[in-house]
Amino acid sequence: MKITTTLALVAGLAALAACQQNPRENAAENIEANAENTADTIEANADNMSANIQANAENTADAVRNAGENKADAVRNSAANSY
């Protein structure tokens, strides 16, 4: 119970401290927060793009391997049928 009361008191004091800031400081903090969120979004998008590019490259490589195997099998089969 004491911990909960202490945490509530700390949260209340933090809220009061934030309210006592001047409007310019609040605006500056909002700008920083928005920039940080935008930067985080850009990084997350870059990570997703990287993963998608890698997955597409792997799929393309698998398709090339399969096509090569199919052509090789066709050559083997046509050679076996000609004898």
C-alpha atoms as a PDB file:
ATOM      1  CA  MET A   1       0.000   0.000   0.000  1.00  0.00           C
ATOM      2  CA  LYS A   2       2.822   2.383   0.840  1.00  0.00           C
ATOM      3  CA  ILE A   3       4.484   1.751  -2.532  1.00  0.00           C
ATOM      4  CA  THR A   4       1.246   2.480  -4.385  1.00  0.00           C
ATOM      5  CA  THR A   5       0.743   5.684  -2.438  1.00  0.00           C
ATOM      6  CA  THR A   6       4.334   6.745  -3.076  1.00  0.00           C
ATOM      7  CA  LEU A   7       4.038   6.039  -6.797  1.00  0.00           C
ATOM      8  CA  ALA A   8       0.784   7.972  -6.999  1.00  0.00           C
ATOM      9  CA  LEU A   9       2.384  10.885  -5.174  1.00  0.00           C
ATOM     10  CA  VAL A  10       5.384  10.867  -7.520  1.00  0.00           C
ATOM     11  CA  ALA A  11       3.106  10.748 -10.574  1.00  0.00           C
ATOM     12  CA  GLY A  12       1.074  13.639  -9.212  1.00  0.00           C
ATOM     13  CA  LEU A  13       4.174  15.731  -8.552  1.00  0.00           C
ATOM     14  CA  ALA A  14       5.469  15.003 -12.051  1.00  0.00           C
ATOM     15  CA  ALA A  15       2.159  16.133 -13.517  1.00  0.00           C
ATOM     16  CA  LEU A  16       2.267  19.328 -11.482  1.00  0.00           C
ATOM     17  CA  ALA A  17       5.824  20.000 -12.597  1.00  0.00           C
ATOM     18  CA  ALA A  18       4.777  19.568 -16.208  1.00  0.00           C
ATOM     19  CA  CYS A  19       1.896  21.985 -15.761  1.00  0.00           C
ATOM     20  CA  GLN A  20       4.201  24.657 -14.392  1.00  0.00           C
ATOM     21  CA  GLN A  21       6.307  24.740 -17.549  1.00  0.00           C
ATOM     22  CA  ASN A  22       5.841  27.682 -19.820  1.00  0.00           C
ATOM     23  CA  PRO A  23       4.035  27.235 -23.142  1.00  0.00           C
ATOM     24  CA  ARG A  24       7.280  27.477 -25.116  1.00  0.00           C
ATOM     25  CA  GLU A  25       8.814  24.616 -23.139  1.00  0.00           C
ATOM     26  CA  ASN A  26       5.682  22.511 -23.689  1.00  0.00           C
ATOM     27  CA  ALA A  27       5.809  23.259 -27.420  1.00  0.00           C
ATOM     28  CA  ALA A  28       9.514  22.417 -27.548  1.00  0.00           C
ATOM     29  CA  GLU A  29       8.919  19.090 -25.774  1.00  0.00           C
ATOM     30  CA  ASN A  30       6.078  18.272 -28.175  1.00  0.00           C
ATOM     31  CA  ILE A  31       8.351  18.992 -31.138  1.00  0.00           C
ATOM     32  CA  GLU A  32      11.045  16.724 -29.688  1.00  0.00           C
ATOM     33  CA  ALA A  33       8.525  13.954 -29.014  1.00  0.00           C
ATOM     34  CA  ASN A  34       7.107  14.197 -32.544  1.00  0.00           C
ATOM     35  CA  ALA A  35      10.590  14.108 -34.064  1.00  0.00           C
ATOM     36  CA  GLU A  36      11.509  11.080 -31.954  1.00  0.00           C
ATOM     37  CA  ASN A  37       8.318   9.258 -33.001  1.00  0.00           C
ATOM     38  CA  THR A  38       8.956  10.079 -36.653  1.00  0.00           C
ATOM     39  CA  ALA A  39      12.551   8.838 -36.403  1.00  0.00           C
ATOM     40  CA  ASP A  40      11.375   5.611 -34.746  1.00  0.00           C
ATOM     41  CA  THR A  41       8.834   5.088 -37.534  1.00  0.00           C
ATOM     42  CA  ILE A  42      11.481   5.647 -40.209  1.00  0.00           C
ATOM     43  CA  GLU A  43      13.774   3.095 -38.558  1.00  0.00           C
ATOM     44  CA  ALA A  44      10.956   0.560 -38.225  1.00  0.00           C
ATOM     45  CA  ASN A  45      10.027   1.025 -41.894  1.00  0.00           C
ATOM     46  CA  ALA A  46      13.658   0.548 -42.913  1.00  0.00           C
ATOM     47  CA  ASP A  47      13.837  -2.676 -40.898  1.00  0.00           C
ATOM     48  CA  ASN A  48      10.643  -3.935 -42.534  1.00  0.00           C
ATOM     49  CA  MET A  49      11.882  -3.033 -46.018  1.00  0.00           C
ATOM     50  CA  SER A  50      15.162  -4.802 -45.355  1.00  0.00           C
ATOM     51  CA  ALA A  51      13.358  -7.949 -44.248  1.00  0.00           C
ATOM     52  CA  ASN A  52      11.069  -7.823 -47.302  1.00  0.00           C
ATOM     53  CA  ILE A  53      13.997  -7.326 -49.683  1.00  0.00           C
ATOM     54  CA  GLN A  54      15.827 -10.268 -48.138  1.00  0.00           C
ATOM     55  CA  ALA A  55      12.741 -12.485 -48.343  1.00  0.00           C
ATOM     56  CA  ASN A  56      12.187 -11.528 -51.990  1.00  0.00           C
ATOM     57  CA  ALA A  57      15.821 -12.238 -52.821  1.00  0.00           C
ATOM     58  CA  GLU A  58      15.586 -15.648 -51.182  1.00  0.00           C
ATOM     59  CA  ASN A  59      12.386 -16.438 -53.099  1.00  0.00           C
ATOM     60  CA  THR A  60      13.987 -15.361 -56.379  1.00  0.00           C
ATOM     61  CA  ALA A  61      17.073 -17.460 -55.668  1.00  0.00           C
ATOM     62  CA  ASP A  62      14.879 -20.483 -54.927  1.00  0.00           C
ATOM     63  CA  ALA A  63      12.974 -19.932 -58.174  1.00  0.00           C
ATOM     64  CA  VAL A  64      16.242 -19.799 -60.144  1.00  0.00           C
ATOM     65  CA  ARG A  65      17.446 -23.018 -58.492  1.00  0.00           C
ATOM     66  CA  ASN A  66      14.148 -24.773 -59.249  1.00  0.00           C
ATOM     67  CA  ALA A  67      14.177 -23.623 -62.863  1.00  0.00           C
ATOM     68  CA  GLY A  68      17.757 -24.873 -63.253  1.00  0.00           C
ATOM     69  CA  GLU A  69      16.871 -28.239 -61.751  1.00  0.00           C
ATOM     70  CA  ASN A  70      13.850 -28.559 -64.049  1.00  0.00           C
ATOM     71  CA  LYS A  71      15.914 -27.769 -67.145  1.00  0.00           C
ATOM     72  CA  ALA A  72      18.620 -30.210 -66.083  1.00  0.00           C
ATOM     73  CA  ASP A  73      16.007 -32.906 -65.508  1.00  0.00           C
ATOM     74  CA  ALA A  74      14.516 -32.221 -68.935  1.00  0.00           C
ATOM     75  CA  VAL A  75      17.931 -32.617 -70.558  1.00  0.00           C
ATOM     76  CA  ARG A  76      18.551 -35.854 -68.656  1.00  0.00           C
ATOM     77  CA  ASN A  77      15.132 -37.211 -69.597  1.00  0.00           C
ATOM     78  CA  SER A  78      15.484 -36.327 -73.282  1.00  0.00           C
ATOM     79  CA  ALA A  79      18.950 -37.918 -73.372  1.00  0.00           C
ATOM     80  CA  ALA A  80      17.667 -41.113 -71.742  1.00  0.00           C
ATOM     81  CA  ASN A  81      14.776 -41.345 -74.209  1.00  0.00           C
ATOM     82  CA  SER A  82      17.015 -40.928 -77.244  1.00  0.00           C
ATOM     83  CA  TYR A  83      19.008 -44.087 -76.584  1.00  0.00           C
END
